[in-house]
Structures are given as C-alpha cells and as structure tokens.
Amino acid sequence: MKLCVALDLPSIEANIDLAKALNSYDIWLKIGFRSFIRDGKSFIKLLKAINPNFKIFLDLKLYDIPNTMADAAEEIARLGVDMFNIHASAGEIAMCTVMERLQKYETRPLVLAVTALTSFDETGFQKIYGESIDERALQFAKMSFENGLDGVVCSAFESRAIKKATQDSFLTLCPGIRPFGEDAGDQQRVAALDLAFKEGVDFPVIGRPIYKDSDPRQKLQQIMQQIQFIETGRL
C-alpha cells in the first residue's frame, strides 16, 4: 500500500506546514478542489520543493463533454502531477478521448476513474444511479479497465471485487480510511487499514485523522508503522 495524505486545510500556509511536517516520508499528497482553486499550480511546485520525492495526486474528478475533459487532461499532464482522476459516469467516449490525448506524453500521469463517492450510502446512491453501489461500481471499473485507465477511486469494500473483475495490477485508490477508528465525518463507507490491505487497496487516502491530530508527524509515523506491520503479517 502507498499512503496518500489529503491536503484539505483552510489555507495554503496550513497545507505547507503539514507537508513540511511530513517531509521525511516518501508519500503521496492529494490536492483537491479547494486547495487547487485557491492555491493554483504554484502550490504543486512548492510541495515538490519541500520534498522532490512527494508524489502528487490532483483530485479534480473531471466530468464534462469528452473533448473538454481531454483538453483539461492535457493541461494537468503539463503540471507534472503523478496522478489525476475523472468521473467514470462521463462514459466510454470520454475515457477513450482522455487516454488517446495523453498518448503523446512520454511520461504521463496515472489516470483513475471515480466509481461511487464514499460519501454515498446505498439509499442516496440508488436514487441517482438506479442500482446498488456494488453493481454500478463494478460496471464503472470494468469500463475504465477496458478503456485503458490505470485504476479507479472506490471504497475499500469494492476493491477486491474490482480487482477480481479486472486484474490485480488495476489500481484502487480508497478514501475514507480511518486507521485507528476515528470519526467517519461526512464519509459513509469508511474502513480500517487492515481491511483495506485485505481488500487489496493500493492507495489508502487519509486526511482528517492526520491533519486534525495535535502532532501530525507522530500520527503519520504511527500509520506508516501500522502499514508495515500489516504488510509483514505482524498485526
């Protein structure tokens, strides 16, 4: 598993301070809507300056007509980020158009598709999509795999079934990870780290349990130690 830490704090200064506190670890950092809209592409350069080994996941969940999504994907590729995502519900044509446009880049970012947001519960999801989360997430994952994407964003509870329906190397990035039983907040489908590992999650995303802790560096150290214990069978 490769830990991804969400930078969701209310100011660029707070996000930079958090990144500096975590700079001794080669981790992934997630930049979402608020941080990117407020802080812009220069924020990416600032993070890389703190630690060149930081990997950047730009979490903007592109969803528009195919050509517009592909234009945006090209601009994202030029930013030098390592991974970004689109909405699977944008459809196959959008997926193909995005991936075709990125072929020109010798080194392109990983592209993931969002299946079902972890803020959805079953009732809310069915009102919009007309199917269960498990069914639609699996459909979206298969479609993403068949159209050349690198993986999907899903909850830990869908990860194993998605890999079984595609292949083990098809990536799953899973928000809503609560390593020590922290409050779920606005997430509905949360999971512990040991369950994420059992379900084959590649990228567990952790935000609030780290940045709301009084000592984020120590909390990250505890999480990294727990991941090591899980992966070596000592937990």
C-alpha atoms as a PDB file:
ATOM      1  CA  MET A   1       0.000   0.000   0.000  1.00  0.00           C
ATOM      2  CA  LYS A   2       1.112   3.551  -0.796  1.00  0.00           C
ATOM      3  CA  LEU A   3      -0.263   6.092   1.636  1.00  0.00           C
ATOM      4  CA  CYS A   4      -1.913   9.195   0.182  1.00  0.00           C
ATOM      5  CA  VAL A   5      -2.372  12.142   2.563  1.00  0.00           C
ATOM      6  CA  ALA A   6      -5.127  14.653   1.782  1.00  0.00           C
ATOM      7  CA  LEU A   7      -4.150  18.328   1.918  1.00  0.00           C
ATOM      8  CA  ASP A   8      -7.572  19.778   2.705  1.00  0.00           C
ATOM      9  CA  LEU A   9      -6.678  22.548   5.135  1.00  0.00           C
ATOM     10  CA  PRO A  10      -8.245  26.034   5.023  1.00  0.00           C
ATOM     11  CA  SER A  11      -5.110  27.930   3.938  1.00  0.00           C
ATOM     12  CA  ILE A  12      -2.037  27.372   1.801  1.00  0.00           C
ATOM     13  CA  GLU A  13       0.118  28.127   4.841  1.00  0.00           C
ATOM     14  CA  ALA A  14      -1.538  25.328   6.811  1.00  0.00           C
ATOM     15  CA  ASN A  15      -1.115  22.888   3.933  1.00  0.00           C
ATOM     16  CA  ILE A  16       2.556  23.839   3.510  1.00  0.00           C
ATOM     17  CA  ASP A  17       3.172  23.456   7.249  1.00  0.00           C
ATOM     18  CA  LEU A  18       1.580  19.991   7.111  1.00  0.00           C
ATOM     19  CA  ALA A  19       3.708  18.981   4.105  1.00  0.00           C
ATOM     20  CA  LYS A  20       6.847  20.195   5.896  1.00  0.00           C
ATOM     21  CA  ALA A  21       5.898  18.163   8.969  1.00  0.00           C
ATOM     22  CA  LEU A  22       5.634  15.058   6.788  1.00  0.00           C
ATOM     23  CA  ASN A  23       8.634  15.732   4.521  1.00  0.00           C
ATOM     24  CA  SER A  24      10.770  12.866   5.805  1.00  0.00           C
ATOM     25  CA  TYR A  25       8.383  10.357   4.229  1.00  0.00           C
ATOM     26  CA  ASP A  26       8.056   9.434   0.558  1.00  0.00           C
ATOM     27  CA  ILE A  27       4.271   9.610   0.414  1.00  0.00           C
ATOM     28  CA  TRP A  28       1.548  10.728  -1.977  1.00  0.00           C
ATOM     29  CA  LEU A  29      -0.181  14.053  -1.392  1.00  0.00           C
ATOM     30  CA  LYS A  30      -3.749  14.657  -2.554  1.00  0.00           C
ATOM     31  CA  ILE A  31      -4.663  18.140  -3.772  1.00  0.00           C
ATOM     32  CA  GLY A  32      -8.417  18.581  -4.015  1.00  0.00           C
ATOM     33  CA  PHE A  33     -10.841  21.235  -5.295  1.00  0.00           C
ATOM     34  CA  ARG A  34     -10.456  23.772  -2.522  1.00  0.00           C
ATOM     35  CA  SER A  35      -6.681  23.717  -2.350  1.00  0.00           C
ATOM     36  CA  PHE A  36      -6.159  23.782  -6.118  1.00  0.00           C
ATOM     37  CA  ILE A  37      -8.715  26.521  -6.803  1.00  0.00           C
ATOM     38  CA  ARG A  38      -7.273  28.654  -4.019  1.00  0.00           C
ATOM     39  CA  ASP A  39      -3.566  27.923  -4.359  1.00  0.00           C
ATOM     40  CA  GLY A  40      -3.157  27.087  -8.054  1.00  0.00           C
ATOM     41  CA  LYS A  41      -0.438  25.280  -9.926  1.00  0.00           C
ATOM     42  CA  SER A  42       2.322  27.059  -7.996  1.00  0.00           C
ATOM     43  CA  PHE A  43       1.230  25.013  -4.976  1.00  0.00           C
ATOM     44  CA  ILE A  44       2.417  21.856  -6.749  1.00  0.00           C
ATOM     45  CA  LYS A  45       5.881  23.383  -7.236  1.00  0.00           C
ATOM     46  CA  LEU A  46       6.012  24.395  -3.568  1.00  0.00           C
ATOM     47  CA  LEU A  47       5.253  20.837  -2.467  1.00  0.00           C
ATOM     48  CA  LYS A  48       7.906  19.378  -4.773  1.00  0.00           C
ATOM     49  CA  ALA A  49      10.404  21.895  -3.380  1.00  0.00           C
ATOM     50  CA  ILE A  50       9.715  20.638   0.147  1.00  0.00           C
ATOM     51  CA  ASN A  51      10.388  17.045  -0.899  1.00  0.00           C
ATOM     52  CA  PRO A  52      11.088  16.104  -4.546  1.00  0.00           C
ATOM     53  CA  ASN A  53      10.017  12.549  -3.713  1.00  0.00           C
ATOM     54  CA  PHE A  54       6.463  13.597  -2.870  1.00  0.00           C
ATOM     55  CA  LYS A  55       4.020  12.170  -5.418  1.00  0.00           C
ATOM     56  CA  ILE A  56       1.088  14.420  -6.307  1.00  0.00           C
ATOM     57  CA  PHE A  57      -2.481  13.223  -6.869  1.00  0.00           C
ATOM     58  CA  LEU A  58      -4.643  16.009  -8.324  1.00  0.00           C
ATOM     59  CA  ASP A  59      -8.168  15.157  -7.227  1.00  0.00           C
ATOM     60  CA  LEU A  60     -10.421  17.262  -9.501  1.00  0.00           C
ATOM     61  CA  LYS A  61     -12.757  14.493 -10.757  1.00  0.00           C
ATOM     62  CA  LEU A  62     -13.105  15.770 -14.329  1.00  0.00           C
ATOM     63  CA  TYR A  63     -16.642  15.458 -15.680  1.00  0.00           C
ATOM     64  CA  ASP A  64     -17.663  17.225 -18.892  1.00  0.00           C
ATOM     65  CA  ILE A  65     -18.013  16.534 -22.602  1.00  0.00           C
ATOM     66  CA  PRO A  66     -15.182  14.313 -23.902  1.00  0.00           C
ATOM     67  CA  ASN A  67     -13.166  16.968 -25.753  1.00  0.00           C
ATOM     68  CA  THR A  68     -13.275  19.367 -22.822  1.00  0.00           C
ATOM     69  CA  MET A  69     -12.139  16.609 -20.479  1.00  0.00           C
ATOM     70  CA  ALA A  70      -9.271  15.720 -22.806  1.00  0.00           C
ATOM     71  CA  ASP A  71      -8.208  19.389 -23.024  1.00  0.00           C
ATOM     72  CA  ALA A  72      -8.160  19.549 -19.235  1.00  0.00           C
ATOM     73  CA  ALA A  73      -6.256  16.253 -19.021  1.00  0.00           C
ATOM     74  CA  GLU A  74      -3.521  17.667 -21.252  1.00  0.00           C
ATOM     75  CA  GLU A  75      -3.201  20.756 -19.070  1.00  0.00           C
ATOM     76  CA  ILE A  76      -2.972  18.529 -16.000  1.00  0.00           C
ATOM     77  CA  ALA A  77      -0.254  16.430 -17.637  1.00  0.00           C
ATOM     78  CA  ARG A  78       1.767  19.621 -18.219  1.00  0.00           C
ATOM     79  CA  LEU A  79       1.603  20.434 -14.499  1.00  0.00           C
ATOM     80  CA  GLY A  80       3.867  17.490 -13.704  1.00  0.00           C
ATOM     81  CA  VAL A  81       1.481  15.740 -11.323  1.00  0.00           C
ATOM     82  CA  ASP A  82       1.728  11.985 -10.911  1.00  0.00           C
ATOM     83  CA  MET A  83      -1.963  11.052 -10.914  1.00  0.00           C
ATOM     84  CA  PHE A  84      -5.383  12.609 -11.518  1.00  0.00           C
ATOM     85  CA  ASN A  85      -8.957  11.412 -11.809  1.00  0.00           C
ATOM     86  CA  ILE A  86     -12.101  11.698 -13.897  1.00  0.00           C
ATOM     87  CA  HIS A  87     -15.686  10.614 -13.257  1.00  0.00           C
ATOM     88  CA  ALA A  88     -16.465   7.187 -14.701  1.00  0.00           C
ATOM     89  CA  SER A  89     -20.036   8.313 -15.352  1.00  0.00           C
ATOM     90  CA  ALA A  90     -18.696  10.648 -18.055  1.00  0.00           C
ATOM     91  CA  GLY A  91     -18.699   7.488 -20.181  1.00  0.00           C
ATOM     92  CA  GLU A  92     -16.576   5.416 -22.509  1.00  0.00           C
ATOM     93  CA  ILE A  93     -16.082   8.062 -25.195  1.00  0.00           C
ATOM     94  CA  ALA A  94     -14.753  10.498 -22.610  1.00  0.00           C
ATOM     95  CA  MET A  95     -12.400   7.846 -21.219  1.00  0.00           C
ATOM     96  CA  CYS A  96     -11.070   6.966 -24.683  1.00  0.00           C
ATOM     97  CA  THR A  97     -10.654  10.611 -25.658  1.00  0.00           C
ATOM     98  CA  VAL A  98      -8.709  11.414 -22.497  1.00  0.00           C
ATOM     99  CA  MET A  99      -6.394   8.415 -22.822  1.00  0.00           C
ATOM    100  CA  GLU A 100      -5.791   8.980 -26.542  1.00  0.00           C
ATOM    101  CA  ARG A 101      -4.871  12.602 -25.901  1.00  0.00           C
ATOM    102  CA  LEU A 102      -2.328  11.583 -23.253  1.00  0.00           C
ATOM    103  CA  GLN A 103      -0.526   9.130 -25.549  1.00  0.00           C
ATOM    104  CA  LYS A 104       1.754  11.911 -26.835  1.00  0.00           C
ATOM    105  CA  TYR A 105       3.409  12.257 -23.412  1.00  0.00           C
ATOM    106  CA  GLU A 106       6.470  10.115 -22.821  1.00  0.00           C
ATOM    107  CA  THR A 107       5.685  10.101 -19.110  1.00  0.00           C
ATOM    108  CA  ARG A 108       2.021  10.655 -18.374  1.00  0.00           C
ATOM    109  CA  PRO A 109       0.229  10.788 -15.034  1.00  0.00           C
ATOM    110  CA  LEU A 110      -1.802   7.825 -13.863  1.00  0.00           C
ATOM    111  CA  VAL A 111      -5.499   8.236 -14.638  1.00  0.00           C
ATOM    112  CA  LEU A 112      -8.188   6.907 -12.295  1.00  0.00           C
ATOM    113  CA  ALA A 113     -11.968   6.956 -12.625  1.00  0.00           C
ATOM    114  CA  VAL A 114     -14.293   7.736  -9.725  1.00  0.00           C
ATOM    115  CA  THR A 115     -16.882   4.970  -9.332  1.00  0.00           C
ATOM    116  CA  ALA A 116     -19.070   5.826  -6.320  1.00  0.00           C
ATOM    117  CA  LEU A 117     -18.176   8.634  -3.937  1.00  0.00           C
ATOM    118  CA  THR A 118     -17.575   7.347  -0.420  1.00  0.00           C
ATOM    119  CA  SER A 119     -19.999   9.984   0.890  1.00  0.00           C
ATOM    120  CA  PHE A 120     -22.860   7.985  -0.675  1.00  0.00           C
ATOM    121  CA  ASP A 121     -24.843   5.480   1.320  1.00  0.00           C
ATOM    122  CA  GLU A 122     -26.872   2.837  -0.517  1.00  0.00           C
ATOM    123  CA  THR A 123     -30.145   4.777  -0.480  1.00  0.00           C
ATOM    124  CA  GLY A 124     -28.671   8.017  -1.771  1.00  0.00           C
ATOM    125  CA  PHE A 125     -26.715   6.241  -4.497  1.00  0.00           C
ATOM    126  CA  GLN A 126     -29.710   4.306  -5.789  1.00  0.00           C
ATOM    127  CA  LYS A 127     -31.780   7.495  -6.056  1.00  0.00           C
ATOM    128  CA  ILE A 128     -29.292   8.841  -8.584  1.00  0.00           C
ATOM    129  CA  TYR A 129     -27.948   5.762 -10.370  1.00  0.00           C
ATOM    130  CA  GLY A 130     -30.818   3.287 -10.007  1.00  0.00           C
ATOM    131  CA  GLU A 131     -28.519   0.428  -8.973  1.00  0.00           C
ATOM    132  CA  SER A 132     -26.632  -0.697  -5.903  1.00  0.00           C
ATOM    133  CA  ILE A 133     -23.188   0.705  -5.193  1.00  0.00           C
ATOM    134  CA  ASP A 134     -21.586  -2.719  -5.657  1.00  0.00           C
ATOM    135  CA  GLU A 135     -23.208  -3.286  -9.055  1.00  0.00           C
ATOM    136  CA  ARG A 136     -22.520   0.121 -10.523  1.00  0.00           C
ATOM    137  CA  ALA A 137     -19.013   0.443  -9.091  1.00  0.00           C
ATOM    138  CA  LEU A 138     -18.122  -2.868 -10.720  1.00  0.00           C
ATOM    139  CA  GLN A 139     -19.604  -1.764 -14.058  1.00  0.00           C
ATOM    140  CA  PHE A 140     -17.701   1.516 -13.936  1.00  0.00           C
ATOM    141  CA  ALA A 141     -14.476  -0.296 -13.040  1.00  0.00           C
ATOM    142  CA  LYS A 142     -14.795  -2.755 -15.928  1.00  0.00           C
ATOM    143  CA  MET A 143     -15.488   0.103 -18.322  1.00  0.00           C
ATOM    144  CA  SER A 144     -12.458   2.003 -17.032  1.00  0.00           C
ATOM    145  CA  PHE A 145     -10.220  -1.046 -17.373  1.00  0.00           C
ATOM    146  CA  GLU A 146     -11.434  -1.801 -20.900  1.00  0.00           C
ATOM    147  CA  ASN A 147     -10.741   1.771 -21.974  1.00  0.00           C
ATOM    148  CA  GLY A 148      -7.162   1.889 -20.792  1.00  0.00           C
ATOM    149  CA  LEU A 149      -7.345   3.721 -17.472  1.00  0.00           C
ATOM    150  CA  ASP A 150      -4.925   2.786 -14.717  1.00  0.00           C
ATOM    151  CA  GLY A 151      -7.449   2.259 -11.939  1.00  0.00           C
ATOM    152  CA  VAL A 152     -10.431   3.590 -10.048  1.00  0.00           C
ATOM    153  CA  VAL A 153     -11.422   5.522  -6.968  1.00  0.00           C
ATOM    154  CA  CYS A 154     -13.731   3.413  -4.824  1.00  0.00           C
ATOM    155  CA  SER A 155     -14.288   2.431  -1.220  1.00  0.00           C
ATOM    156  CA  ALA A 156     -12.244  -0.358   0.328  1.00  0.00           C
ATOM    157  CA  PHE A 157     -15.367  -2.534   0.303  1.00  0.00           C
ATOM    158  CA  GLU A 158     -15.429  -2.661  -3.515  1.00  0.00           C
ATOM    159  CA  SER A 159     -11.677  -3.037  -4.096  1.00  0.00           C
ATOM    160  CA  ARG A 160     -11.356  -6.833  -4.069  1.00  0.00           C
ATOM    161  CA  ALA A 161     -14.325  -7.429  -6.395  1.00  0.00           C
ATOM    162  CA  ILE A 162     -12.994  -4.799  -8.808  1.00  0.00           C
ATOM    163  CA  LYS A 163      -9.577  -6.416  -8.983  1.00  0.00           C
ATOM    164  CA  LYS A 164     -11.147  -9.819  -9.482  1.00  0.00           C
ATOM    165  CA  ALA A 165     -13.223  -8.454 -12.388  1.00  0.00           C
ATOM    166  CA  THR A 166     -10.219  -6.704 -13.985  1.00  0.00           C
ATOM    167  CA  GLN A 167      -6.715  -7.648 -12.823  1.00  0.00           C
ATOM    168  CA  ASP A 168      -4.636  -7.321  -9.671  1.00  0.00           C
ATOM    169  CA  SER A 169      -2.497  -4.541 -11.158  1.00  0.00           C
ATOM    170  CA  PHE A 170      -5.596  -2.391 -11.826  1.00  0.00           C
ATOM    171  CA  LEU A 171      -5.216   0.265  -9.140  1.00  0.00           C
ATOM    172  CA  THR A 172      -7.728   1.057  -6.404  1.00  0.00           C
ATOM    173  CA  LEU A 173      -7.485   4.323  -4.510  1.00  0.00           C
ATOM    174  CA  CYS A 174      -9.757   4.430  -1.487  1.00  0.00           C
ATOM    175  CA  PRO A 175     -10.772   7.486   0.573  1.00  0.00           C
ATOM    176  CA  GLY A 176     -12.495   7.123   3.906  1.00  0.00           C
ATOM    177  CA  ILE A 177      -9.691   5.233   5.648  1.00  0.00           C
ATOM    178  CA  ARG A 178      -9.769   5.597   9.414  1.00  0.00           C
ATOM    179  CA  PRO A 179      -6.610   3.904  10.775  1.00  0.00           C
ATOM    180  CA  PHE A 180      -7.496   3.963  14.466  1.00  0.00           C
ATOM    181  CA  GLY A 181     -11.293   4.089  14.448  1.00  0.00           C
ATOM    182  CA  GLU A 182     -11.577   7.864  14.109  1.00  0.00           C
ATOM    183  CA  ASP A 183     -14.918   9.581  13.451  1.00  0.00           C
ATOM    184  CA  ALA A 184     -16.290   8.994   9.947  1.00  0.00           C
ATOM    185  CA  GLY A 185     -17.252  12.644   9.457  1.00  0.00           C
ATOM    186  CA  ASP A 186     -19.107  13.130   6.159  1.00  0.00           C
ATOM    187  CA  GLN A 187     -17.992   9.741   4.812  1.00  0.00           C
ATOM    188  CA  GLN A 188     -20.401   6.805   4.780  1.00  0.00           C
ATOM    189  CA  ARG A 189     -18.251   3.859   3.685  1.00  0.00           C
ATOM    190  CA  VAL A 190     -15.160   4.029   5.903  1.00  0.00           C
ATOM    191  CA  ALA A 191     -12.667   1.257   6.575  1.00  0.00           C
ATOM    192  CA  ALA A 192      -9.676   0.464   8.763  1.00  0.00           C
ATOM    193  CA  LEU A 193      -6.201  -0.066   7.332  1.00  0.00           C
ATOM    194  CA  ASP A 194      -6.156  -3.818   7.946  1.00  0.00           C
ATOM    195  CA  LEU A 195      -9.399  -4.230   5.979  1.00  0.00           C
ATOM    196  CA  ALA A 196      -8.003  -2.052   3.185  1.00  0.00           C
ATOM    197  CA  PHE A 197      -4.967  -4.315   2.958  1.00  0.00           C
ATOM    198  CA  LYS A 198      -7.096  -7.480   2.913  1.00  0.00           C
ATOM    199  CA  GLU A 199      -9.191  -5.986   0.112  1.00  0.00           C
ATOM    200  CA  GLY A 200      -6.116  -5.232  -1.994  1.00  0.00           C
ATOM    201  CA  VAL A 201      -6.268  -1.434  -1.769  1.00  0.00           C
ATOM    202  CA  ASP A 202      -3.267   0.176  -3.464  1.00  0.00           C
ATOM    203  CA  PHE A 203      -3.717   3.749  -2.226  1.00  0.00           C
ATOM    204  CA  PRO A 204      -5.405   4.326   1.149  1.00  0.00           C
ATOM    205  CA  VAL A 205      -6.275   8.024   1.454  1.00  0.00           C
ATOM    206  CA  ILE A 206      -6.104   9.561   4.918  1.00  0.00           C
ATOM    207  CA  GLY A 207      -6.758  13.205   5.682  1.00  0.00           C
ATOM    208  CA  ARG A 208      -8.515  14.331   8.840  1.00  0.00           C
ATOM    209  CA  PRO A 209      -7.026  11.642  11.137  1.00  0.00           C
ATOM    210  CA  ILE A 210      -3.606  13.137  10.305  1.00  0.00           C
ATOM    211  CA  TYR A 211      -4.121  16.887   9.912  1.00  0.00           C
ATOM    212  CA  LYS A 212      -6.536  17.199  12.836  1.00  0.00           C
ATOM    213  CA  ASP A 213      -4.128  15.438  15.171  1.00  0.00           C
ATOM    214  CA  SER A 214      -2.125  17.628  17.569  1.00  0.00           C
ATOM    215  CA  ASP A 215       1.069  16.036  16.207  1.00  0.00           C
ATOM    216  CA  PRO A 216       0.600  15.123  12.504  1.00  0.00           C
ATOM    217  CA  ARG A 217       4.177  13.883  12.139  1.00  0.00           C
ATOM    218  CA  GLN A 218       3.784  11.427  15.000  1.00  0.00           C
ATOM    219  CA  LYS A 219       0.378  10.327  13.712  1.00  0.00           C
ATOM    220  CA  LEU A 220       1.850   9.655  10.275  1.00  0.00           C
ATOM    221  CA  GLN A 221       4.676   7.694  11.866  1.00  0.00           C
ATOM    222  CA  GLN A 222       2.127   5.543  13.704  1.00  0.00           C
ATOM    223  CA  ILE A 223       0.188   4.959  10.492  1.00  0.00           C
ATOM    224  CA  MET A 224       3.304   4.056   8.497  1.00  0.00           C
ATOM    225  CA  GLN A 225       4.334   1.661  11.253  1.00  0.00           C
ATOM    226  CA  GLN A 226       0.889   0.089  11.218  1.00  0.00           C
ATOM    227  CA  ILE A 227       1.069  -0.367   7.432  1.00  0.00           C
ATOM    228  CA  GLN A 228       4.460  -2.041   7.814  1.00  0.00           C
ATOM    229  CA  PHE A 229       3.109  -4.364  10.486  1.00  0.00           C
ATOM    230  CA  ILE A 230       0.079  -5.252   8.361  1.00  0.00           C
ATOM    231  CA  GLU A 231       2.124  -5.925   5.242  1.00  0.00           C
ATOM    232  CA  THR A 232       4.619  -8.120   7.105  1.00  0.00           C
ATOM    233  CA  GLY A 233       1.911 -10.060   8.913  1.00  0.00           C
ATOM    234  CA  ARG A 234       2.814  -8.762  12.366  1.00  0.00           C
ATOM    235  CA  LEU A 235      -0.602  -7.235  13.016  1.00  0.00           C
END
